[in-house]
């Protein structure tokens, strides 16, 4: 039989703890987080579009790419918002079913209320 003291866990460095924490944080972040971080970068890269007014085709192409990117950001934000609302509603429904929707809980609540009124 293996005893924990006979098989100690391997020693991990601070770097390994740090990278594991970053990986865990990355898993929890939605796509919209990265899209929001990239907005300033895209806008800085798009500054040259407004300076290059000589070629209208280049301006139209750059603006169309910029609008497509912003559309993707908007759609991602809307999908995240719907996901948050869906999660919130399911959590509220689950908590209702666990408390007031449960017949045993209501019976116990009524019994406690009737004994406290006497």
PDB file of N, CA and C in Angstrom:
ATOM      1  N   UNK A   1       0.840  -1.169   0.000  1.00  0.00           N
ATOM      2  CA  UNK A   1       0.000   0.000   0.000  1.00  0.00           C
ATOM      3  C   UNK A   1       0.891   1.240   0.000  1.00  0.00           C
ATOM      4  N   UNK A   2       0.581   2.178  -0.898  1.00  0.00           N
ATOM      5  CA  UNK A   2       1.386   3.404  -0.996  1.00  0.00           C
ATOM      6  C   UNK A   2       0.910   4.423   0.018  1.00  0.00           C
ATOM      7  N   UNK A   3       1.833   4.922   0.747  1.00  0.00           N
ATOM      8  CA  UNK A   3       1.540   5.948   1.734  1.00  0.00           C
ATOM      9  C   UNK A   3       1.971   7.295   1.150  1.00  0.00           C
ATOM     10  N   UNK A   4       1.229   8.373   1.394  1.00  0.00           N
ATOM     11  CA  UNK A   4       1.607   9.666   0.811  1.00  0.00           C
ATOM     12  C   UNK A   4       3.004  10.130   1.182  1.00  0.00           C
ATOM     13  N   UNK A   5       3.473   9.757   2.351  1.00  0.00           N
ATOM     14  CA  UNK A   5       4.823  10.178   2.743  1.00  0.00           C
ATOM     15  C   UNK A   5       5.895   9.431   1.965  1.00  0.00           C
ATOM     16  N   UNK A   6       5.564   8.240   1.450  1.00  0.00           N
ATOM     17  CA  UNK A   6       6.536   7.482   0.674  1.00  0.00           C
ATOM     18  C   UNK A   6       6.631   7.996  -0.765  1.00  0.00           C
ATOM     19  N   UNK A   7       5.545   8.539  -1.320  1.00  0.00           N
ATOM     20  CA  UNK A   7       5.527   9.074  -2.689  1.00  0.00           C
ATOM     21  C   UNK A   7       5.170  10.562  -2.646  1.00  0.00           C
ATOM     22  N   UNK A   8       6.127  11.413  -2.328  1.00  0.00           N
ATOM     23  CA  UNK A   8       5.803  12.841  -2.237  1.00  0.00           C
ATOM     24  C   UNK A   8       5.526  13.427  -3.626  1.00  0.00           C
ATOM     25  N   UNK A   9       4.751  14.496  -3.621  1.00  0.00           N
ATOM     26  CA  UNK A   9       4.475  15.189  -4.880  1.00  0.00           C
ATOM     27  C   UNK A   9       5.748  15.825  -5.390  1.00  0.00           C
ATOM     28  N   UNK A  10       5.884  15.918  -6.697  1.00  0.00           N
ATOM     29  CA  UNK A  10       7.084  16.571  -7.229  1.00  0.00           C
ATOM     30  C   UNK A  10       7.082  18.064  -6.867  1.00  0.00           C
ATOM     31  N   UNK A  11       8.249  18.581  -6.667  1.00  0.00           N
ATOM     32  CA  UNK A  11       8.395  19.984  -6.300  1.00  0.00           C
ATOM     33  C   UNK A  11       8.191  20.838  -7.542  1.00  0.00           C
ATOM     34  N   UNK A  12       7.349  21.845  -7.409  1.00  0.00           N
ATOM     35  CA  UNK A  12       7.068  22.727  -8.539  1.00  0.00           C
ATOM     36  C   UNK A  12       7.704  24.084  -8.287  1.00  0.00           C
ATOM     37  N   UNK A  13       8.199  24.662  -9.360  1.00  0.00           N
ATOM     38  CA  UNK A  13       8.840  25.964  -9.234  1.00  0.00           C
ATOM     39  C   UNK A  13       7.794  27.068  -9.276  1.00  0.00           C
ATOM     40  N   UNK A  14       8.228  28.268  -8.962  1.00  0.00           N
ATOM     41  CA  UNK A  14       7.341  29.418  -9.019  1.00  0.00           C
ATOM     42  C   UNK A  14       6.856  29.656 -10.441  1.00  0.00           C
ATOM     43  N   UNK A  15       7.733  29.409 -11.400  1.00  0.00           N
ATOM     44  CA  UNK A  15       7.355  29.575 -12.801  1.00  0.00           C
ATOM     45  C   UNK A  15       6.225  28.611 -13.188  1.00  0.00           C
ATOM     46  N   UNK A  16       6.290  27.382 -12.726  1.00  0.00           N
ATOM     47  CA  UNK A  16       5.242  26.415 -13.034  1.00  0.00           C
ATOM     48  C   UNK A  16       3.910  26.820 -12.405  1.00  0.00           C
ATOM     49  N   UNK A  17       3.940  27.324 -11.172  1.00  0.00           N
ATOM     50  CA  UNK A  17       2.723  27.822 -10.532  1.00  0.00           C
ATOM     51  C   UNK A  17       2.162  29.010 -11.314  1.00  0.00           C
ATOM     52  N   UNK A  18       3.043  29.897 -11.747  1.00  0.00           N
ATOM     53  CA  UNK A  18       2.631  31.087 -12.492  1.00  0.00           C
ATOM     54  C   UNK A  18       1.958  30.699 -13.810  1.00  0.00           C
ATOM     55  N   UNK A  19       2.566  29.791 -14.579  1.00  0.00           N
ATOM     56  CA  UNK A  19       2.003  29.392 -15.873  1.00  0.00           C
ATOM     57  C   UNK A  19       0.698  28.625 -15.700  1.00  0.00           C
ATOM     58  N   UNK A  20       0.593  27.841 -14.650  1.00  0.00           N
ATOM     59  CA  UNK A  20      -0.665  27.133 -14.395  1.00  0.00           C
ATOM     60  C   UNK A  20      -1.781  28.127 -14.071  1.00  0.00           C
ATOM     61  N   UNK A  21      -1.454  29.161 -13.297  1.00  0.00           N
ATOM     62  CA  UNK A  21      -2.438  30.199 -12.995  1.00  0.00           C
ATOM     63  C   UNK A  21      -2.870  30.937 -14.243  1.00  0.00           C
ATOM     64  N   UNK A  22      -1.941  31.229 -15.135  1.00  0.00           N
ATOM     65  CA  UNK A  22      -2.292  31.914 -16.386  1.00  0.00           C
ATOM     66  C   UNK A  22      -3.184  31.025 -17.248  1.00  0.00           C
ATOM     67  N   UNK A  23      -2.869  29.742 -17.333  1.00  0.00           N
ATOM     68  CA  UNK A  23      -3.685  28.812 -18.123  1.00  0.00           C
ATOM     69  C   UNK A  23      -5.106  28.730 -17.570  1.00  0.00           C
ATOM     70  N   UNK A  24      -5.234  28.665 -16.245  1.00  0.00           N
ATOM     71  CA  UNK A  24      -6.567  28.613 -15.639  1.00  0.00           C
ATOM     72  C   UNK A  24      -7.342  29.894 -15.901  1.00  0.00           C
ATOM     73  N   UNK A  25      -6.663  31.035 -15.840  1.00  0.00           N
ATOM     74  CA  UNK A  25      -7.335  32.308 -16.109  1.00  0.00           C
ATOM     75  C   UNK A  25      -7.756  32.401 -17.569  1.00  0.00           C
ATOM     76  N   UNK A  26      -6.935  31.881 -18.482  1.00  0.00           N
ATOM     77  CA  UNK A  26      -7.271  31.932 -19.904  1.00  0.00           C
ATOM     78  C   UNK A  26      -8.500  31.093 -20.212  1.00  0.00           C
ATOM     79  N   UNK A  27      -8.682  29.990 -19.524  1.00  0.00           N
ATOM     80  CA  UNK A  27      -9.845  29.134 -19.773  1.00  0.00           C
ATOM     81  C   UNK A  27     -11.137  29.816 -19.374  1.00  0.00           C
ATOM     82  N   UNK A  28     -11.085  30.681 -18.376  1.00  0.00           N
ATOM     83  CA  UNK A  28     -12.307  31.326 -17.891  1.00  0.00           C
ATOM     84  C   UNK A  28     -12.695  32.548 -18.706  1.00  0.00           C
ATOM     85  N   UNK A  29     -11.765  33.113 -19.462  1.00  0.00           N
ATOM     86  CA  UNK A  29     -12.059  34.344 -20.183  1.00  0.00           C
ATOM     87  C   UNK A  29     -12.809  34.070 -21.475  1.00  0.00           C
ATOM     88  N   UNK A  30     -13.851  34.866 -21.748  1.00  0.00           N
ATOM     89  CA  UNK A  30     -14.580  34.681 -23.003  1.00  0.00           C
ATOM     90  C   UNK A  30     -13.836  35.329 -24.170  1.00  0.00           C
ATOM     91  N   UNK A  31     -14.299  35.038 -25.372  1.00  0.00           N
ATOM     92  CA  UNK A  31     -13.685  35.577 -26.578  1.00  0.00           C
ATOM     93  C   UNK A  31     -13.787  37.100 -26.609  1.00  0.00           C
ATOM     94  N   UNK A  32     -14.870  37.641 -26.091  1.00  0.00           N
ATOM     95  CA  UNK A  32     -15.055  39.088 -26.142  1.00  0.00           C
ATOM     96  C   UNK A  32     -13.967  39.826 -25.360  1.00  0.00           C
ATOM     97  N   UNK A  33     -13.387  39.193 -24.356  1.00  0.00           N
ATOM     98  CA  UNK A  33     -12.300  39.823 -23.613  1.00  0.00           C
ATOM     99  C   UNK A  33     -11.133  40.130 -24.543  1.00  0.00           C
ATOM    100  N   UNK A  34     -10.772  39.158 -25.375  1.00  0.00           N
ATOM    101  CA  UNK A  34      -9.663  39.352 -26.299  1.00  0.00           C
ATOM    102  C   UNK A  34     -10.023  40.329 -27.412  1.00  0.00           C
ATOM    103  N   UNK A  35     -11.278  40.296 -27.838  1.00  0.00           N
ATOM    104  CA  UNK A  35     -11.706  41.254 -28.853  1.00  0.00           C
ATOM    105  C   UNK A  35     -11.659  42.679 -28.306  1.00  0.00           C
ATOM    106  N   UNK A  36     -12.050  42.856 -27.058  1.00  0.00           N
ATOM    107  CA  UNK A  36     -11.983  44.182 -26.453  1.00  0.00           C
ATOM    108  C   UNK A  36     -10.541  44.657 -26.300  1.00  0.00           C
ATOM    109  N   UNK A  37      -9.646  43.735 -25.995  1.00  0.00           N
ATOM    110  CA  UNK A  37      -8.233  44.110 -25.911  1.00  0.00           C
ATOM    111  C   UNK A  37      -7.657  44.488 -27.272  1.00  0.00           C
ATOM    112  N   UNK A  38      -8.168  43.893 -28.315  1.00  0.00           N
ATOM    113  CA  UNK A  38      -7.625  44.159 -29.651  1.00  0.00           C
ATOM    114  C   UNK A  38      -8.207  45.407 -30.300  1.00  0.00           C
ATOM    115  N   UNK A  39      -9.284  45.968 -29.775  1.00  0.00           N
ATOM    116  CA  UNK A  39      -9.891  47.159 -30.387  1.00  0.00           C
ATOM    117  C   UNK A  39      -8.910  48.331 -30.463  1.00  0.00           C
ATOM    118  N   UNK A  40      -8.216  48.708 -29.378  1.00  0.00           N
ATOM    119  CA  UNK A  40      -7.270  49.829 -29.501  1.00  0.00           C
ATOM    120  C   UNK A  40      -6.156  49.555 -30.511  1.00  0.00           C
ATOM    121  N   UNK A  41      -5.702  48.323 -30.573  1.00  0.00           N
ATOM    122  CA  UNK A  41      -4.643  47.983 -31.528  1.00  0.00           C
ATOM    123  C   UNK A  41      -5.155  48.148 -32.957  1.00  0.00           C
ATOM    124  N   UNK A  42      -6.351  47.664 -33.221  1.00  0.00           N
ATOM    125  CA  UNK A  42      -6.924  47.776 -34.566  1.00  0.00           C
ATOM    126  C   UNK A  42      -7.157  49.241 -34.917  1.00  0.00           C
ATOM    127  N   UNK A  43      -7.633  50.018 -33.978  1.00  0.00           N
ATOM    128  CA  UNK A  43      -7.858  51.438 -34.259  1.00  0.00           C
ATOM    129  C   UNK A  43      -6.543  52.168 -34.507  1.00  0.00           C
ATOM    130  N   UNK A  44      -5.495  51.811 -33.791  1.00  0.00           N
ATOM    131  CA  UNK A  44      -4.187  52.420 -34.052  1.00  0.00           C
ATOM    132  C   UNK A  44      -3.655  52.020 -35.426  1.00  0.00           C
ATOM    133  N   UNK A  45      -3.891  50.775 -35.814  1.00  0.00           N
ATOM    134  CA  UNK A  45      -3.466  50.341 -37.138  1.00  0.00           C
ATOM    135  C   UNK A  45      -4.303  50.976 -38.247  1.00  0.00           C
ATOM    136  N   UNK A  46      -5.535  51.380 -37.917  1.00  0.00           N
ATOM    137  CA  UNK A  46      -6.417  51.971 -38.920  1.00  0.00           C
ATOM    138  C   UNK A  46      -6.208  53.472 -39.083  1.00  0.00           C
ATOM    139  N   UNK A  47      -5.350  54.070 -38.280  1.00  0.00           N
ATOM    140  CA  UNK A  47      -5.127  55.517 -38.378  1.00  0.00           C
ATOM    141  C   UNK A  47      -4.602  55.898 -39.757  1.00  0.00           C
ATOM    142  N   UNK A  48      -3.765  55.067 -40.344  1.00  0.00           N
ATOM    143  CA  UNK A  48      -3.207  55.410 -41.653  1.00  0.00           C
ATOM    144  C   UNK A  48      -4.280  55.444 -42.745  1.00  0.00           C
ATOM    145  N   UNK A  49      -5.418  54.800 -42.513  1.00  0.00           N
ATOM    146  CA  UNK A  49      -6.511  54.842 -43.496  1.00  0.00           C
ATOM    147  C   UNK A  49      -7.027  56.266 -43.681  1.00  0.00           C
ATOM    148  N   UNK A  50      -7.115  56.998 -42.608  1.00  0.00           N
ATOM    149  CA  UNK A  50      -7.679  58.342 -42.671  1.00  0.00           C
ATOM    150  C   UNK A  50      -6.657  59.358 -43.172  1.00  0.00           C
ATOM    151  N   UNK A  51      -5.401  58.976 -43.169  1.00  0.00           N
ATOM    152  CA  UNK A  51      -4.371  59.864 -43.722  1.00  0.00           C
ATOM    153  C   UNK A  51      -4.192  59.646 -45.220  1.00  0.00           C
ATOM    154  N   UNK A  52      -4.481  58.450 -45.699  1.00  0.00           N
ATOM    155  CA  UNK A  52      -4.305  58.120 -47.120  1.00  0.00           C
ATOM    156  C   UNK A  52      -5.612  58.387 -47.856  1.00  0.00           C
ATOM    157  N   UNK A  53      -5.844  59.647 -48.201  1.00  0.00           N
ATOM    158  CA  UNK A  53      -7.079  60.022 -48.886  1.00  0.00           C
ATOM    159  C   UNK A  53      -6.904  60.070 -50.400  1.00  0.00           C
ATOM    160  N   UNK A  54      -5.706  59.838 -50.881  1.00  0.00           N
ATOM    161  CA  UNK A  54      -5.467  59.918 -52.315  1.00  0.00           C
ATOM    162  C   UNK A  54      -6.104  58.750 -53.061  1.00  0.00           C
ATOM    163  N   UNK A  55      -6.041  57.559 -52.468  1.00  0.00           N
ATOM    164  CA  UNK A  55      -6.557  56.362 -53.126  1.00  0.00           C
ATOM    165  C   UNK A  55      -7.883  55.964 -52.491  1.00  0.00           C
ATOM    166  N   UNK A  56      -9.008  56.247 -53.160  1.00  0.00           N
ATOM    167  CA  UNK A  56     -10.314  55.919 -52.560  1.00  0.00           C
ATOM    168  C   UNK A  56     -10.554  54.411 -52.462  1.00  0.00           C
ATOM    169  N   UNK A  57      -9.936  53.614 -53.323  1.00  0.00           N
ATOM    170  CA  UNK A  57     -10.110  52.161 -53.245  1.00  0.00           C
ATOM    171  C   UNK A  57      -9.458  51.611 -51.974  1.00  0.00           C
ATOM    172  N   UNK A  58      -8.288  52.123 -51.650  1.00  0.00           N
ATOM    173  CA  UNK A  58      -7.608  51.681 -50.433  1.00  0.00           C
ATOM    174  C   UNK A  58      -8.409  52.100 -49.202  1.00  0.00           C
ATOM    175  N   UNK A  59      -8.961  53.306 -49.234  1.00  0.00           N
ATOM    176  CA  UNK A  59      -9.774  53.787 -48.121  1.00  0.00           C
ATOM    177  C   UNK A  59     -11.031  52.927 -47.957  1.00  0.00           C
ATOM    178  N   UNK A  60     -11.679  52.610 -49.075  1.00  0.00           N
ATOM    179  CA  UNK A  60     -12.890  51.790 -49.010  1.00  0.00           C
ATOM    180  C   UNK A  60     -12.569  50.384 -48.503  1.00  0.00           C
ATOM    181  N   UNK A  61     -11.480  49.807 -48.976  1.00  0.00           N
ATOM    182  CA  UNK A  61     -11.084  48.475 -48.514  1.00  0.00           C
ATOM    183  C   UNK A  61     -10.766  48.493 -47.017  1.00  0.00           C
ATOM    184  N   UNK A  62     -10.004  49.468 -46.566  1.00  0.00           N
ATOM    185  CA  UNK A  62      -9.651  49.562 -45.143  1.00  0.00           C
ATOM    186  C   UNK A  62     -10.864  49.775 -44.265  1.00  0.00           C
ATOM    187  N   UNK A  63     -11.774  50.653 -44.701  1.00  0.00           N
ATOM    188  CA  UNK A  63     -12.977  50.895 -43.908  1.00  0.00           C
ATOM    189  C   UNK A  63     -13.881  49.663 -43.873  1.00  0.00           C
ATOM    190  N   UNK A  64     -13.975  48.957 -44.997  1.00  0.00           N
ATOM    191  CA  UNK A  64     -14.815  47.759 -44.995  1.00  0.00           C
ATOM    192  C   UNK A  64     -14.228  46.695 -44.063  1.00  0.00           C
ATOM    193  N   UNK A  65     -12.909  46.540 -44.065  1.00  0.00           N
ATOM    194  CA  UNK A  65     -12.276  45.584 -43.136  1.00  0.00           C
ATOM    195  C   UNK A  65     -12.493  46.018 -41.688  1.00  0.00           C
ATOM    196  N   UNK A  66     -12.388  47.316 -41.435  1.00  0.00           N
ATOM    197  CA  UNK A  66     -12.609  47.838 -40.084  1.00  0.00           C
ATOM    198  C   UNK A  66     -14.045  47.604 -39.636  1.00  0.00           C
ATOM    199  N   UNK A  67     -15.015  47.847 -40.524  1.00  0.00           N
ATOM    200  CA  UNK A  67     -16.415  47.629 -40.161  1.00  0.00           C
ATOM    201  C   UNK A  67     -16.724  46.145 -39.969  1.00  0.00           C
ATOM    202  N   UNK A  68     -16.101  45.282 -40.748  1.00  0.00           N
ATOM    203  CA  UNK A  68     -16.295  43.841 -40.554  1.00  0.00           C
ATOM    204  C   UNK A  68     -15.747  43.425 -39.185  1.00  0.00           C
ATOM    205  N   UNK A  69     -14.574  43.942 -38.827  1.00  0.00           N
ATOM    206  CA  UNK A  69     -13.991  43.632 -37.527  1.00  0.00           C
ATOM    207  C   UNK A  69     -14.901  44.126 -36.398  1.00  0.00           C
ATOM    208  N   UNK A  70     -15.368  45.343 -36.504  1.00  0.00           N
ATOM    209  CA  UNK A  70     -16.241  45.876 -35.453  1.00  0.00           C
ATOM    210  C   UNK A  70     -17.566  45.115 -35.404  1.00  0.00           C
ATOM    211  N   UNK A  71     -18.042  44.635 -36.554  1.00  0.00           N
ATOM    212  CA  UNK A  71     -19.244  43.792 -36.566  1.00  0.00           C
ATOM    213  C   UNK A  71     -19.010  42.486 -35.830  1.00  0.00           C
ATOM    214  N   UNK A  72     -17.834  41.892 -36.036  1.00  0.00           N
ATOM    215  CA  UNK A  72     -17.491  40.653 -35.319  1.00  0.00           C
ATOM    216  C   UNK A  72     -17.436  40.918 -33.818  1.00  0.00           C
ATOM    217  N   UNK A  73     -16.870  42.049 -33.434  1.00  0.00           N
ATOM    218  CA  UNK A  73     -16.812  42.404 -32.008  1.00  0.00           C
ATOM    219  C   UNK A  73     -18.223  42.574 -31.448  1.00  0.00           C
ATOM    220  N   UNK A  74     -19.083  43.245 -32.199  1.00  0.00           N
ATOM    221  CA  UNK A  74     -20.450  43.460 -31.739  1.00  0.00           C
ATOM    222  C   UNK A  74     -21.209  42.141 -31.619  1.00  0.00           C
ATOM    223  N   UNK A  75     -21.078  41.270 -32.595  1.00  0.00           N
ATOM    224  CA  UNK A  75     -21.755  39.976 -32.536  1.00  0.00           C
ATOM    225  C   UNK A  75     -21.221  39.147 -31.363  1.00  0.00           C
ATOM    226  N   UNK A  76     -19.899  39.167 -31.160  1.00  0.00           N
ATOM    227  CA  UNK A  76     -19.325  38.448 -30.022  1.00  0.00           C
ATOM    228  C   UNK A  76     -19.847  38.980 -28.696  1.00  0.00           C
ATOM    229  N   UNK A  77     -19.965  40.304 -28.594  1.00  0.00           N
ATOM    230  CA  UNK A  77     -20.485  40.894 -27.355  1.00  0.00           C
ATOM    231  C   UNK A  77     -21.942  40.508 -27.136  1.00  0.00           C
ATOM    232  N   UNK A  78     -22.732  40.504 -28.195  1.00  0.00           N
ATOM    233  CA  UNK A  78     -24.136  40.106 -28.062  1.00  0.00           C
ATOM    234  C   UNK A  78     -24.271  38.639 -27.663  1.00  0.00           C
ATOM    235  N   UNK A  79     -23.449  37.783 -28.246  1.00  0.00           N
ATOM    236  CA  UNK A  79     -23.489  36.366 -27.881  1.00  0.00           C
ATOM    237  C   UNK A  79     -23.072  36.159 -26.423  1.00  0.00           C
ATOM    238  N   UNK A  80     -22.068  36.893 -25.970  1.00  0.00           N
ATOM    239  CA  UNK A  80     -21.669  36.798 -24.561  1.00  0.00           C
ATOM    240  C   UNK A  80     -22.779  37.300 -23.647  1.00  0.00           C
ATOM    241  N   UNK A  81     -23.442  38.381 -24.046  1.00  0.00           N
ATOM    242  CA  UNK A  81     -24.538  38.918 -23.248  1.00  0.00           C
ATOM    243  C   UNK A  81     -25.670  37.895 -23.145  1.00  0.00           C
ATOM    244  N   UNK A  82     -26.010  37.261 -24.255  1.00  0.00           N
ATOM    245  CA  UNK A  82     -27.055  36.242 -24.227  1.00  0.00           C
ATOM    246  C   UNK A  82     -26.641  35.050 -23.367  1.00  0.00           C
ATOM    247  N   UNK A  83     -25.375  34.681 -23.424  1.00  0.00           N
ATOM    248  CA  UNK A  83     -24.883  33.583 -22.594  1.00  0.00           C
ATOM    249  C   UNK A  83     -24.979  33.934 -21.114  1.00  0.00           C
ATOM    250  N   UNK A  84     -24.633  35.158 -20.763  1.00  0.00           N
ATOM    251  CA  UNK A  84     -24.714  35.593 -19.367  1.00  0.00           C
ATOM    252  C   UNK A  84     -26.168  35.600 -18.891  1.00  0.00           C
ATOM    253  N   UNK A  85     -27.076  36.090 -19.747  1.00  0.00           N
ATOM    254  CA  UNK A  85     -28.493  36.114 -19.383  1.00  0.00           C
ATOM    255  C   UNK A  85     -29.024  34.696 -19.221  1.00  0.00           C
ATOM    256  N   UNK A  86     -28.653  33.799 -20.133  1.00  0.00           N
ATOM    257  CA  UNK A  86     -29.101  32.409 -20.058  1.00  0.00           C
ATOM    258  C   UNK A  86     -28.601  31.747 -18.778  1.00  0.00           C
ATOM    259  N   UNK A  87     -27.349  31.976 -18.438  1.00  0.00           N
ATOM    260  CA  UNK A  87     -26.788  31.397 -17.219  1.00  0.00           C
ATOM    261  C   UNK A  87     -27.483  31.951 -15.980  1.00  0.00           C
ATOM    262  N   UNK A  88     -27.744  33.249 -15.985  1.00  0.00           N
ATOM    263  CA  UNK A  88     -28.409  33.875 -14.849  1.00  0.00           C
ATOM    264  C   UNK A  88     -29.826  33.343 -14.665  1.00  0.00           C
ATOM    265  N   UNK A  89     -30.560  33.205 -15.769  1.00  0.00           N
ATOM    266  CA  UNK A  89     -31.924  32.697 -15.670  1.00  0.00           C
ATOM    267  C   UNK A  89     -31.957  31.237 -15.219  1.00  0.00           C
ATOM    268  N   UNK A  90     -31.021  30.437 -15.710  1.00  0.00           N
ATOM    269  CA  UNK A  90     -31.005  29.036 -15.283  1.00  0.00           C
ATOM    270  C   UNK A  90     -30.619  28.920 -13.813  1.00  0.00           C
ATOM    271  N   UNK A  91     -29.711  29.771 -13.349  1.00  0.00           N
ATOM    272  CA  UNK A  91     -29.346  29.748 -11.930  1.00  0.00           C
ATOM    273  C   UNK A  91     -30.520  30.194 -11.059  1.00  0.00           C
ATOM    274  N   UNK A  92     -31.258  31.197 -11.515  1.00  0.00           N
ATOM    275  CA  UNK A  92     -32.422  31.654 -10.754  1.00  0.00           C
ATOM    276  C   UNK A  92     -33.499  30.565 -10.726  1.00  0.00           C
ATOM    277  N   UNK A  93     -33.716  29.905 -11.845  1.00  0.00           N
ATOM    278  CA  UNK A  93     -34.707  28.830 -11.913  1.00  0.00           C
ATOM    279  C   UNK A  93     -34.298  27.662 -11.015  1.00  0.00           C
ATOM    280  N   UNK A  94     -33.006  27.327 -11.028  1.00  0.00           N
ATOM    281  CA  UNK A  94     -32.515  26.223 -10.207  1.00  0.00           C
ATOM    282  C   UNK A  94     -32.651  26.554  -8.717  1.00  0.00           C
ATOM    283  N   UNK A  95     -32.336  27.789  -8.335  1.00  0.00           N
ATOM    284  CA  UNK A  95     -32.449  28.151  -6.918  1.00  0.00           C
ATOM    285  C   UNK A  95     -33.911  28.184  -6.481  1.00  0.00           C
ATOM    286  N   UNK A  96     -34.803  28.575  -7.388  1.00  0.00           N
ATOM    287  CA  UNK A  96     -36.227  28.551  -7.052  1.00  0.00           C
ATOM    288  C   UNK A  96     -36.695  27.113  -6.838  1.00  0.00           C
ATOM    289  N   UNK A  97     -36.277  26.224  -7.747  1.00  0.00           N
ATOM    290  CA  UNK A  97     -36.705  24.826  -7.624  1.00  0.00           C
ATOM    291  C   UNK A  97     -36.138  24.179  -6.372  1.00  0.00           C
ATOM    292  N   UNK A  98     -34.937  24.597  -5.947  1.00  0.00           N
ATOM    293  CA  UNK A  98     -34.335  24.018  -4.760  1.00  0.00           C
ATOM    294  C   UNK A  98     -34.967  24.542  -3.479  1.00  0.00           C
ATOM    295  N   UNK A  99     -35.617  25.708  -3.551  1.00  0.00           N
ATOM    296  CA  UNK A  99     -36.205  26.287  -2.337  1.00  0.00           C
ATOM    297  C   UNK A  99     -37.726  26.281  -2.424  1.00  0.00           C
ATOM    298  N   UNK A 100     -38.319  27.282  -2.998  1.00  0.00           N
ATOM    299  CA  UNK A 100     -39.772  27.420  -3.001  1.00  0.00           C
ATOM    300  C   UNK A 100     -40.465  26.439  -3.928  1.00  0.00           C
ATOM    301  N   UNK A 101     -39.760  25.889  -4.882  1.00  0.00           N
ATOM    302  CA  UNK A 101     -40.361  24.902  -5.775  1.00  0.00           C
ATOM    303  C   UNK A 101     -40.358  23.500  -5.197  1.00  0.00           C
ATOM    304  N   UNK A 102     -39.662  23.295  -4.095  1.00  0.00           N
ATOM    305  CA  UNK A 102     -39.569  21.981  -3.469  1.00  0.00           C
ATOM    306  C   UNK A 102     -40.681  21.844  -2.435  1.00  0.00           C
ATOM    307  N   UNK A 103     -41.508  20.809  -2.592  1.00  0.00           N
ATOM    308  CA  UNK A 103     -42.647  20.626  -1.683  1.00  0.00           C
ATOM    309  C   UNK A 103     -42.207  20.326  -0.258  1.00  0.00           C
ATOM    310  N   UNK A 104     -41.136  19.559  -0.092  1.00  0.00           N
ATOM    311  CA  UNK A 104     -40.650  19.251   1.250  1.00  0.00           C
ATOM    312  C   UNK A 104     -40.162  20.516   1.955  1.00  0.00           C
ATOM    313  N   UNK A 105     -39.465  21.374   1.217  1.00  0.00           N
ATOM    314  CA  UNK A 105     -38.972  22.620   1.805  1.00  0.00           C
ATOM    315  C   UNK A 105     -40.144  23.511   2.210  1.00  0.00           C
ATOM    316  N   UNK A 106     -41.167  23.609   1.349  1.00  0.00           N
ATOM    317  CA  UNK A 106     -42.335  24.424   1.692  1.00  0.00           C
ATOM    318  C   UNK A 106     -43.071  23.877   2.899  1.00  0.00           C
ATOM    319  N   UNK A 107     -43.193  22.557   2.992  1.00  0.00           N
ATOM    320  CA  UNK A 107     -43.866  21.964   4.150  1.00  0.00           C
ATOM    321  C   UNK A 107     -43.091  22.267   5.431  1.00  0.00           C
ATOM    322  N   UNK A 108     -41.777  22.156   5.364  1.00  0.00           N
ATOM    323  CA  UNK A 108     -40.960  22.462   6.534  1.00  0.00           C
ATOM    324  C   UNK A 108     -41.036  23.952   6.882  1.00  0.00           C
ATOM    325  N   UNK A 109     -41.069  24.796   5.868  1.00  0.00           N
ATOM    326  CA  UNK A 109     -41.178  26.240   6.103  1.00  0.00           C
ATOM    327  C   UNK A 109     -42.510  26.584   6.758  1.00  0.00           C
ATOM    328  N   UNK A 110     -43.587  25.969   6.282  1.00  0.00           N
ATOM    329  CA  UNK A 110     -44.908  26.207   6.877  1.00  0.00           C
ATOM    330  C   UNK A 110     -44.957  25.690   8.316  1.00  0.00           C
ATOM    331  N   UNK A 111     -44.326  24.552   8.546  1.00  0.00           N
ATOM    332  CA  UNK A 111     -44.314  23.997   9.902  1.00  0.00           C
ATOM    333  C   UNK A 111     -43.532  24.903  10.850  1.00  0.00           C
ATOM    334  N   UNK A 112     -42.397  25.414  10.383  1.00  0.00           N
ATOM    335  CA  UNK A 112     -41.602  26.335  11.219  1.00  0.00           C
ATOM    336  C   UNK A 112     -42.346  27.620  11.475  1.00  0.00           C
ATOM    337  N   UNK A 113     -43.076  28.104  10.456  1.00  0.00           N
ATOM    338  CA  UNK A 113     -43.811  29.356  10.618  1.00  0.00           C
ATOM    339  C   UNK A 113     -44.964  29.171  11.583  1.00  0.00           C
ATOM    340  N   UNK A 114     -45.658  28.048  11.493  1.00  0.00           N
ATOM    341  CA  UNK A 114     -46.806  27.826  12.397  1.00  0.00           C
ATOM    342  C   UNK A 114     -46.339  27.625  13.841  1.00  0.00           C
ATOM    343  N   UNK A 115     -45.187  27.008  14.059  1.00  0.00           N
ATOM    344  CA  UNK A 115     -44.703  26.827  15.430  1.00  0.00           C
ATOM    345  C   UNK A 115     -44.195  28.147  16.001  1.00  0.00           C
ATOM    346  N   UNK A 116     -43.665  29.034  15.168  1.00  0.00           N
ATOM    347  CA  UNK A 116     -43.161  30.318  15.686  1.00  0.00           C
ATOM    348  C   UNK A 116     -44.311  31.273  15.978  1.00  0.00           C
ATOM    349  N   UNK A 117     -45.467  31.102  15.317  1.00  0.00           N
ATOM    350  CA  UNK A 117     -46.621  31.982  15.579  1.00  0.00           C
ATOM    351  C   UNK A 117     -47.320  31.594  16.872  1.00  0.00           C
ATOM    352  N   UNK A 118     -47.191  30.336  17.297  1.00  0.00           N
ATOM    353  CA  UNK A 118     -47.900  29.876  18.523  1.00  0.00           C
ATOM    354  C   UNK A 118     -47.264  30.349  19.759  1.00  0.00           C
TER     355      UNK A 118
END
